[in-house]
N, C-alpha and C. Protein backbone atom coordinates (compact mmCIF):
# COMPACT_ATOMS: atom_id res chain seq x y z
N MET A 1 46.98 -32.41 -32.48
CA MET A 1 45.94 -32.07 -33.24
C MET A 1 46.15 -32.56 -34.75
N LYS A 2 45.14 -33.18 -35.23
CA LYS A 2 45.28 -33.77 -36.60
C LYS A 2 44.95 -32.70 -37.68
N PRO A 3 45.70 -32.76 -38.79
CA PRO A 3 45.32 -31.88 -39.88
C PRO A 3 44.06 -32.34 -40.52
N TYR A 4 43.22 -31.46 -40.94
CA TYR A 4 41.99 -31.85 -41.60
C TYR A 4 42.24 -32.44 -43.02
N ASN A 5 41.54 -33.52 -43.28
CA ASN A 5 41.76 -34.21 -44.49
C ASN A 5 41.13 -33.42 -45.74
N ASN A 6 40.00 -32.79 -45.44
CA ASN A 6 39.43 -32.00 -46.52
C ASN A 6 38.70 -30.78 -45.99
N ILE A 7 38.38 -29.85 -46.74
CA ILE A 7 37.84 -28.68 -46.39
C ILE A 7 36.37 -28.81 -45.83
N GLU A 8 35.63 -29.88 -46.28
CA GLU A 8 34.27 -30.10 -45.81
C GLU A 8 34.31 -30.51 -44.36
N SER A 9 35.27 -31.26 -43.90
CA SER A 9 35.37 -31.69 -42.55
C SER A 9 35.70 -30.49 -41.70
N PHE A 10 36.57 -29.64 -42.10
CA PHE A 10 36.89 -28.40 -41.38
C PHE A 10 35.68 -27.46 -41.25
N THR A 11 34.93 -27.30 -42.28
CA THR A 11 33.81 -26.44 -42.27
C THR A 11 32.72 -26.97 -41.30
N LEU A 12 32.48 -28.32 -41.36
CA LEU A 12 31.51 -28.93 -40.50
C LEU A 12 31.89 -28.72 -39.00
N LYS A 13 33.10 -28.90 -38.63
CA LYS A 13 33.59 -28.75 -37.29
C LYS A 13 33.52 -27.30 -36.84
N PHE A 14 33.86 -26.34 -37.80
CA PHE A 14 33.78 -24.92 -37.48
C PHE A 14 32.30 -24.54 -37.24
N LYS A 15 31.40 -25.04 -37.99
CA LYS A 15 29.96 -24.75 -37.79
C LYS A 15 29.51 -25.30 -36.42
N ASN A 16 29.86 -26.48 -36.08
CA ASN A 16 29.54 -27.11 -34.78
C ASN A 16 30.13 -26.22 -33.65
N MET A 17 31.29 -25.78 -33.83
CA MET A 17 31.92 -24.92 -32.75
C MET A 17 31.15 -23.60 -32.63
N LYS A 18 30.77 -23.00 -33.71
CA LYS A 18 29.97 -21.75 -33.66
C LYS A 18 28.66 -22.01 -32.96
N LYS A 19 28.02 -23.08 -33.25
CA LYS A 19 26.69 -23.39 -32.58
C LYS A 19 26.90 -23.53 -31.11
N ARG A 20 28.00 -24.23 -30.68
CA ARG A 20 28.28 -24.44 -29.27
C ARG A 20 28.49 -23.06 -28.57
N ILE A 21 29.31 -22.26 -29.23
CA ILE A 21 29.51 -20.87 -28.69
C ILE A 21 28.26 -20.13 -28.53
N LEU A 22 27.48 -20.15 -29.57
CA LEU A 22 26.19 -19.46 -29.54
C LEU A 22 25.23 -20.00 -28.48
N ILE A 23 25.11 -21.30 -28.29
CA ILE A 23 24.29 -21.90 -27.28
C ILE A 23 24.82 -21.54 -25.91
N TRP A 24 26.11 -21.55 -25.62
CA TRP A 24 26.67 -21.18 -24.40
C TRP A 24 26.50 -19.73 -24.05
N THR A 25 26.59 -18.90 -25.07
CA THR A 25 26.30 -17.48 -24.90
C THR A 25 24.88 -17.22 -24.51
N LEU A 26 23.99 -17.84 -25.26
CA LEU A 26 22.57 -17.68 -24.96
C LEU A 26 22.19 -18.17 -23.58
N LEU A 27 22.75 -19.28 -23.17
CA LEU A 27 22.58 -19.88 -21.85
C LEU A 27 23.06 -18.94 -20.73
N LEU A 28 24.28 -18.42 -20.96
CA LEU A 28 24.83 -17.47 -20.03
C LEU A 28 23.96 -16.19 -19.90
N MET A 29 23.44 -15.72 -21.00
CA MET A 29 22.55 -14.56 -20.95
C MET A 29 21.24 -14.88 -20.20
N VAL A 30 20.67 -16.03 -20.45
CA VAL A 30 19.42 -16.37 -19.71
C VAL A 30 19.68 -16.49 -18.22
N VAL A 31 20.73 -17.17 -17.82
CA VAL A 31 21.08 -17.33 -16.42
C VAL A 31 21.31 -15.97 -15.77
N SER A 32 22.02 -15.08 -16.50
CA SER A 32 22.34 -13.79 -15.93
C SER A 32 21.04 -12.92 -15.78
N SER A 33 20.15 -13.01 -16.77
CA SER A 33 18.93 -12.23 -16.70
C SER A 33 18.06 -12.74 -15.50
N TYR A 34 17.99 -14.03 -15.24
CA TYR A 34 17.25 -14.50 -14.08
C TYR A 34 17.92 -14.12 -12.77
N SER A 35 19.17 -14.01 -12.75
CA SER A 35 19.85 -13.63 -11.51
C SER A 35 19.63 -12.17 -11.20
N PHE A 36 19.40 -11.34 -12.22
CA PHE A 36 19.12 -9.93 -11.98
C PHE A 36 17.69 -9.53 -12.15
N ALA A 37 16.85 -10.48 -12.23
CA ALA A 37 15.43 -10.17 -12.34
C ALA A 37 14.97 -9.69 -11.00
N GLY A 38 13.80 -8.98 -11.09
CA GLY A 38 13.40 -8.27 -9.85
C GLY A 38 14.07 -7.00 -9.73
N ASN A 39 14.11 -6.40 -8.54
CA ASN A 39 14.63 -5.09 -8.44
C ASN A 39 16.08 -5.04 -7.88
N GLY A 40 16.54 -6.16 -7.42
CA GLY A 40 17.98 -6.22 -7.06
C GLY A 40 18.39 -5.48 -5.85
N ASP A 41 17.42 -4.83 -5.14
CA ASP A 41 17.68 -4.01 -4.03
C ASP A 41 17.34 -4.71 -2.71
N GLY A 42 17.03 -6.03 -2.77
CA GLY A 42 16.65 -6.68 -1.50
C GLY A 42 15.24 -6.27 -1.01
N ILE A 43 14.40 -5.80 -1.92
CA ILE A 43 13.02 -5.42 -1.51
C ILE A 43 12.19 -6.64 -1.32
N ASN A 44 11.39 -6.60 -0.22
CA ASN A 44 10.55 -7.70 0.22
C ASN A 44 9.65 -8.08 -1.05
N PRO A 45 9.63 -9.37 -1.40
CA PRO A 45 8.69 -9.77 -2.55
C PRO A 45 7.24 -9.40 -2.33
N ARG A 46 6.79 -9.39 -1.13
CA ARG A 46 5.39 -9.00 -0.90
C ARG A 46 5.11 -7.61 -1.41
N ILE A 47 6.15 -6.76 -1.16
CA ILE A 47 5.98 -5.27 -1.59
C ILE A 47 5.97 -5.19 -3.05
N THR A 48 6.89 -5.87 -3.74
CA THR A 48 6.88 -5.86 -5.23
C THR A 48 5.62 -6.42 -5.83
N THR A 49 5.09 -7.48 -5.21
CA THR A 49 3.94 -8.08 -5.72
C THR A 49 2.71 -7.12 -5.46
N SER A 50 2.65 -6.45 -4.37
CA SER A 50 1.58 -5.51 -4.11
C SER A 50 1.69 -4.33 -5.05
N PHE A 51 2.87 -3.87 -5.27
CA PHE A 51 3.10 -2.72 -6.20
C PHE A 51 2.57 -3.09 -7.61
N LYS A 52 3.00 -4.29 -8.11
CA LYS A 52 2.59 -4.70 -9.45
C LYS A 52 1.07 -4.83 -9.54
N LYS A 53 0.39 -5.22 -8.43
CA LYS A 53 -1.10 -5.39 -8.42
C LYS A 53 -1.70 -4.02 -8.32
N ASP A 54 -1.21 -3.10 -7.50
CA ASP A 54 -1.78 -1.76 -7.33
C ASP A 54 -1.61 -0.83 -8.53
N PHE A 55 -0.36 -0.96 -9.17
CA PHE A 55 -0.07 -0.08 -10.23
C PHE A 55 0.37 -0.84 -11.49
N ALA A 56 -0.54 -1.57 -12.09
CA ALA A 56 -0.15 -2.46 -13.16
C ALA A 56 0.38 -1.70 -14.37
N ASN A 57 0.06 -0.54 -14.53
CA ASN A 57 0.54 0.34 -15.71
C ASN A 57 1.73 1.17 -15.42
N ALA A 58 2.34 0.95 -14.24
CA ALA A 58 3.44 1.80 -13.85
C ALA A 58 4.68 1.52 -14.69
N ARG A 59 5.48 2.57 -14.93
CA ARG A 59 6.75 2.46 -15.64
C ARG A 59 7.88 3.10 -14.90
N GLU A 60 9.06 2.66 -15.19
CA GLU A 60 10.33 3.28 -14.65
C GLU A 60 10.34 3.34 -13.11
N ALA A 61 10.08 2.26 -12.47
CA ALA A 61 10.00 2.15 -11.04
C ALA A 61 11.44 2.26 -10.44
N LYS A 62 11.64 3.10 -9.45
CA LYS A 62 12.88 3.20 -8.70
C LYS A 62 12.60 2.96 -7.27
N TRP A 63 13.29 2.08 -6.62
CA TRP A 63 13.01 1.65 -5.27
C TRP A 63 14.01 2.33 -4.27
N GLU A 64 13.54 2.72 -3.10
CA GLU A 64 14.29 3.24 -2.01
C GLU A 64 13.81 2.64 -0.67
N THR A 65 14.71 2.23 0.22
CA THR A 65 14.35 1.65 1.50
C THR A 65 14.52 2.68 2.54
N GLY A 66 13.53 2.76 3.39
CA GLY A 66 13.56 3.67 4.60
C GLY A 66 13.68 2.76 5.84
N ASN A 67 13.54 3.38 6.99
CA ASN A 67 13.57 2.62 8.23
C ASN A 67 12.47 1.65 8.36
N SER A 68 11.22 2.01 8.11
CA SER A 68 10.11 1.06 8.28
C SER A 68 9.19 1.14 7.07
N PHE A 69 9.73 1.60 5.93
CA PHE A 69 8.87 1.67 4.72
C PHE A 69 9.82 1.46 3.51
N VAL A 70 9.13 1.26 2.35
CA VAL A 70 9.85 1.33 1.13
C VAL A 70 9.08 2.41 0.19
N LYS A 71 9.90 3.20 -0.44
CA LYS A 71 9.31 4.17 -1.36
C LYS A 71 9.71 3.80 -2.77
N VAL A 72 8.66 3.78 -3.56
CA VAL A 72 8.91 3.53 -5.04
C VAL A 72 8.40 4.78 -5.84
N THR A 73 9.33 5.26 -6.62
CA THR A 73 8.99 6.37 -7.52
C THR A 73 8.85 5.81 -8.90
N PHE A 74 7.73 6.18 -9.57
CA PHE A 74 7.45 5.66 -10.87
C PHE A 74 6.54 6.61 -11.69
N LYS A 75 6.41 6.25 -12.97
CA LYS A 75 5.54 7.05 -13.82
C LYS A 75 4.24 6.32 -14.06
N LEU A 76 3.18 7.10 -13.96
CA LEU A 76 1.82 6.49 -14.25
C LEU A 76 1.09 7.53 -15.02
N ASN A 77 0.69 7.19 -16.22
CA ASN A 77 -0.01 8.15 -17.13
C ASN A 77 0.84 9.39 -17.33
N ASP A 78 2.16 9.19 -17.55
CA ASP A 78 3.13 10.30 -17.80
C ASP A 78 3.21 11.27 -16.62
N GLU A 79 2.85 10.86 -15.41
CA GLU A 79 2.93 11.67 -14.22
C GLU A 79 3.88 10.98 -13.20
N VAL A 80 4.81 11.65 -12.56
CA VAL A 80 5.63 11.05 -11.57
C VAL A 80 4.84 10.88 -10.31
N VAL A 81 4.87 9.66 -9.73
CA VAL A 81 4.05 9.34 -8.52
C VAL A 81 4.97 8.66 -7.57
N PHE A 82 4.75 8.77 -6.27
CA PHE A 82 5.54 8.15 -5.19
C PHE A 82 4.59 7.28 -4.36
N ALA A 83 4.95 6.04 -4.23
CA ALA A 83 4.09 5.16 -3.40
C ALA A 83 4.93 4.69 -2.15
N TYR A 84 4.35 4.59 -0.99
CA TYR A 84 5.05 4.19 0.20
C TYR A 84 4.40 2.91 0.71
N TYR A 85 5.20 1.87 0.91
CA TYR A 85 4.71 0.59 1.35
C TYR A 85 5.41 0.23 2.74
N GLY A 86 4.52 -0.36 3.59
CA GLY A 86 4.97 -0.92 4.81
C GLY A 86 5.69 -2.20 4.65
N GLU A 87 6.45 -2.66 5.62
CA GLU A 87 7.28 -3.87 5.49
C GLU A 87 6.41 -5.12 5.13
N ASN A 88 5.12 -5.03 5.55
CA ASN A 88 4.19 -6.22 5.29
C ASN A 88 3.62 -6.24 3.87
N GLY A 89 4.00 -5.15 3.07
CA GLY A 89 3.47 -5.07 1.70
C GLY A 89 2.19 -4.29 1.52
N ASP A 90 1.73 -3.64 2.62
CA ASP A 90 0.56 -2.79 2.55
C ASP A 90 0.91 -1.38 2.06
N LEU A 91 0.08 -0.94 1.14
CA LEU A 91 0.25 0.48 0.67
C LEU A 91 -0.10 1.46 1.74
N MET A 92 0.84 2.33 2.14
CA MET A 92 0.57 3.26 3.15
C MET A 92 0.09 4.60 2.68
N ALA A 93 0.69 5.14 1.59
CA ALA A 93 0.25 6.43 1.01
C ALA A 93 0.78 6.53 -0.43
N ILE A 94 0.18 7.44 -1.11
CA ILE A 94 0.53 7.80 -2.44
C ILE A 94 0.75 9.33 -2.48
N SER A 95 1.74 9.78 -3.20
CA SER A 95 2.02 11.22 -3.28
C SER A 95 2.40 11.57 -4.69
N ARG A 96 2.06 12.82 -4.95
CA ARG A 96 2.42 13.40 -6.24
C ARG A 96 2.48 14.94 -6.19
N ASN A 97 3.36 15.49 -6.96
CA ASN A 97 3.42 16.99 -7.07
C ASN A 97 2.18 17.48 -7.90
N ILE A 98 1.68 18.57 -7.44
CA ILE A 98 0.53 19.15 -8.18
C ILE A 98 0.76 20.62 -8.41
N VAL A 99 -0.12 21.18 -9.27
CA VAL A 99 -0.12 22.65 -9.41
C VAL A 99 -1.28 23.18 -8.54
N SER A 100 -1.17 24.46 -8.23
CA SER A 100 -2.13 25.06 -7.33
C SER A 100 -3.63 24.97 -7.80
N SER A 101 -3.85 24.94 -9.14
CA SER A 101 -5.14 24.78 -9.60
C SER A 101 -5.80 23.46 -9.30
N HIS A 102 -5.02 22.47 -8.89
CA HIS A 102 -5.56 21.16 -8.50
C HIS A 102 -5.93 21.11 -7.05
N LEU A 103 -5.66 22.10 -6.32
CA LEU A 103 -6.12 22.19 -4.90
C LEU A 103 -7.62 22.38 -4.84
N PRO A 104 -8.30 21.83 -3.79
CA PRO A 104 -9.67 22.12 -3.55
C PRO A 104 -9.84 23.56 -3.54
N ILE A 105 -10.96 24.13 -4.02
CA ILE A 105 -11.21 25.60 -4.06
C ILE A 105 -11.13 26.29 -2.80
N VAL A 106 -11.60 25.61 -1.73
CA VAL A 106 -11.52 26.23 -0.38
C VAL A 106 -10.10 26.53 0.01
N GLN A 107 -9.24 25.60 -0.15
CA GLN A 107 -7.78 25.76 0.20
C GLN A 107 -7.18 26.86 -0.69
N LEU A 108 -7.49 26.86 -1.95
CA LEU A 108 -6.92 27.85 -2.90
C LEU A 108 -7.34 29.17 -2.53
N MET A 109 -8.59 29.41 -2.17
CA MET A 109 -9.12 30.68 -1.86
C MET A 109 -8.43 31.19 -0.53
N GLU A 110 -8.27 30.30 0.41
CA GLU A 110 -7.62 30.75 1.74
C GLU A 110 -6.22 31.17 1.49
N LEU A 111 -5.46 30.41 0.60
CA LEU A 111 -4.10 30.76 0.24
C LEU A 111 -4.04 32.18 -0.33
N LYS A 112 -4.89 32.47 -1.29
CA LYS A 112 -4.94 33.76 -2.01
C LYS A 112 -5.28 34.86 -1.01
N ARG A 113 -6.13 34.55 -0.08
CA ARG A 113 -6.59 35.59 0.92
C ARG A 113 -5.51 35.81 1.99
N SER A 114 -4.94 34.73 2.55
CA SER A 114 -4.07 34.85 3.72
C SER A 114 -2.57 34.93 3.37
N TYR A 115 -2.17 34.56 2.20
CA TYR A 115 -0.78 34.50 1.84
C TYR A 115 -0.55 35.22 0.52
N ALA A 116 -1.21 36.32 0.22
CA ALA A 116 -1.07 36.96 -1.04
C ALA A 116 0.32 37.46 -1.40
N ASP A 117 1.09 37.70 -0.38
CA ASP A 117 2.50 38.30 -0.68
C ASP A 117 3.54 37.16 -0.73
N TYR A 118 3.13 35.92 -0.91
CA TYR A 118 4.06 34.74 -1.02
C TYR A 118 3.88 34.13 -2.41
N TRP A 119 4.88 33.46 -2.89
CA TRP A 119 4.75 32.64 -4.11
C TRP A 119 4.90 31.19 -3.69
N ILE A 120 4.43 30.35 -4.50
CA ILE A 120 4.48 28.88 -4.28
C ILE A 120 5.81 28.30 -4.87
N SER A 121 6.56 27.61 -4.10
CA SER A 121 7.76 26.98 -4.62
C SER A 121 7.68 25.48 -4.63
N ASP A 122 6.74 24.94 -3.90
CA ASP A 122 6.57 23.46 -3.98
C ASP A 122 5.12 23.16 -3.45
N LEU A 123 4.53 22.16 -4.03
CA LEU A 123 3.11 21.76 -3.62
C LEU A 123 2.94 20.32 -4.01
N PHE A 124 2.58 19.51 -3.02
CA PHE A 124 2.30 18.11 -3.29
C PHE A 124 1.12 17.65 -2.47
N GLU A 125 0.52 16.53 -2.93
CA GLU A 125 -0.66 15.90 -2.37
C GLU A 125 -0.21 14.50 -1.79
N ILE A 126 -0.68 14.17 -0.69
CA ILE A 126 -0.51 12.80 -0.11
C ILE A 126 -1.80 12.17 0.15
N ASP A 127 -2.06 11.08 -0.38
CA ASP A 127 -3.29 10.37 -0.25
C ASP A 127 -3.05 9.08 0.54
N SER A 128 -3.72 8.87 1.61
CA SER A 128 -3.77 7.61 2.36
C SER A 128 -5.13 7.08 2.63
N ASP A 129 -5.26 6.01 3.26
CA ASP A 129 -6.57 5.45 3.58
C ASP A 129 -7.35 6.38 4.47
N ILE A 130 -6.64 7.14 5.27
CA ILE A 130 -7.21 7.98 6.31
C ILE A 130 -7.77 9.32 5.71
N GLU A 131 -6.84 9.98 4.92
CA GLU A 131 -7.22 11.29 4.41
C GLU A 131 -6.25 11.71 3.29
N THR A 132 -6.69 12.80 2.62
CA THR A 132 -5.79 13.41 1.63
C THR A 132 -5.28 14.74 2.26
N SER A 133 -3.98 14.89 2.29
CA SER A 133 -3.30 16.02 2.82
C SER A 133 -2.55 16.79 1.68
N TYR A 134 -2.39 18.11 1.83
CA TYR A 134 -1.57 18.88 0.96
C TYR A 134 -0.53 19.57 1.73
N TYR A 135 0.62 19.59 1.20
CA TYR A 135 1.75 20.37 1.79
C TYR A 135 2.19 21.36 0.73
N ILE A 136 2.32 22.61 1.14
CA ILE A 136 2.72 23.68 0.22
C ILE A 136 3.88 24.48 0.85
N THR A 137 4.88 24.82 -0.02
CA THR A 137 5.94 25.67 0.54
C THR A 137 5.75 27.12 -0.20
N LEU A 138 5.60 28.04 0.64
CA LEU A 138 5.41 29.41 0.30
C LEU A 138 6.62 30.23 0.59
N GLU A 139 6.98 31.13 -0.22
CA GLU A 139 8.18 31.99 0.03
C GLU A 139 7.92 33.45 -0.33
N ASN A 140 8.60 34.33 0.41
CA ASN A 140 8.69 35.70 0.04
C ASN A 140 10.19 36.08 0.26
N SER A 141 10.46 37.35 0.20
CA SER A 141 11.89 37.74 0.35
C SER A 141 12.44 37.54 1.74
N ASP A 142 11.58 37.45 2.72
CA ASP A 142 11.99 37.30 4.20
C ASP A 142 11.97 35.88 4.75
N SER A 143 10.91 35.10 4.26
CA SER A 143 10.73 33.82 4.91
C SER A 143 10.29 32.75 4.00
N ARG A 144 10.30 31.53 4.48
CA ARG A 144 9.80 30.39 3.79
C ARG A 144 8.83 29.62 4.75
N LEU A 145 7.61 29.41 4.34
CA LEU A 145 6.60 28.70 5.07
C LEU A 145 6.22 27.37 4.51
N ILE A 146 6.15 26.34 5.28
CA ILE A 146 5.55 25.11 4.73
C ILE A 146 4.25 24.94 5.57
N LEU A 147 3.13 24.85 4.74
CA LEU A 147 1.78 24.72 5.31
C LEU A 147 1.32 23.33 5.04
N LYS A 148 0.49 22.86 5.85
CA LYS A 148 -0.17 21.54 5.72
C LYS A 148 -1.72 21.73 5.81
N SER A 149 -2.44 21.12 4.99
CA SER A 149 -3.89 21.12 4.94
C SER A 149 -4.42 19.71 4.97
N HIS A 150 -5.38 19.51 5.83
CA HIS A 150 -6.05 18.14 5.91
C HIS A 150 -7.41 18.25 5.16
N GLY A 151 -7.52 17.48 4.13
CA GLY A 151 -8.80 17.47 3.43
C GLY A 151 -9.36 18.82 3.06
N MET A 152 -10.60 19.05 3.55
CA MET A 152 -11.21 20.36 3.25
C MET A 152 -11.04 21.38 4.34
N GLY A 153 -10.14 21.11 5.34
CA GLY A 153 -9.82 21.98 6.44
C GLY A 153 -8.96 23.12 5.96
N GLY A 154 -8.62 24.04 6.82
CA GLY A 154 -7.75 25.16 6.55
C GLY A 154 -6.29 24.81 6.54
N TRP A 155 -5.44 25.74 6.39
CA TRP A 155 -4.01 25.54 6.33
C TRP A 155 -3.46 25.82 7.76
N GLU A 156 -2.49 24.97 8.12
CA GLU A 156 -1.75 25.24 9.38
C GLU A 156 -0.25 25.31 9.14
N VAL A 157 0.49 26.11 9.83
CA VAL A 157 1.94 26.23 9.58
C VAL A 157 2.63 24.98 10.13
N TYR A 158 3.27 24.31 9.19
CA TYR A 158 4.02 23.08 9.61
C TYR A 158 5.46 23.40 9.96
N LYS A 159 5.92 24.42 9.26
CA LYS A 159 7.41 24.78 9.52
C LYS A 159 7.55 26.22 8.98
N LYS A 160 8.45 27.07 9.74
CA LYS A 160 8.63 28.38 9.28
C LYS A 160 10.12 28.61 9.36
N GLU A 161 10.69 29.22 8.30
CA GLU A 161 12.18 29.51 8.27
C GLU A 161 12.29 30.99 7.84
N ILE A 162 13.19 31.61 8.61
CA ILE A 162 13.55 33.06 8.26
C ILE A 162 14.76 32.95 7.29
N LYS A 163 14.62 33.67 6.19
CA LYS A 163 15.81 33.69 5.20
C LYS A 163 16.78 34.73 5.74
N MET A 164 18.07 34.36 5.41
CA MET A 164 19.17 35.31 5.85
C MET A 164 19.59 36.11 4.69
């Protein structure tokens, strides 16, 4: 290695070296960002494309893969929503947690009439092309009931558990 003849030559070479390091760092960052773009979970690109089209304003998407579907949990208008996609990219259903005041009045009245001694521990709505269904978990000191309601129909017992 030759000693530098003057300080200007050293400064020029040092600046060139800094530029090269900066360029290589930026290049490495760009390549890394492209390699991690997408969801990184091996989700079918048709599903991610459908999701972006269906929910353009969605934020904080988290992906989970099931046996024959993909579930994406995301925020839409500050509300947590769940979307379920088939392997072909078709939207199968949308789900969200709701409060009892968002139930259709017929279902709410039947709950108050038939299950007055229970409290609500969980309630969610599932919307698909076929229908809108509601699932509610009711509890009292002795048992836990999960009821299902189809559209404007009544409630049916989906599952019953006795508490110990």
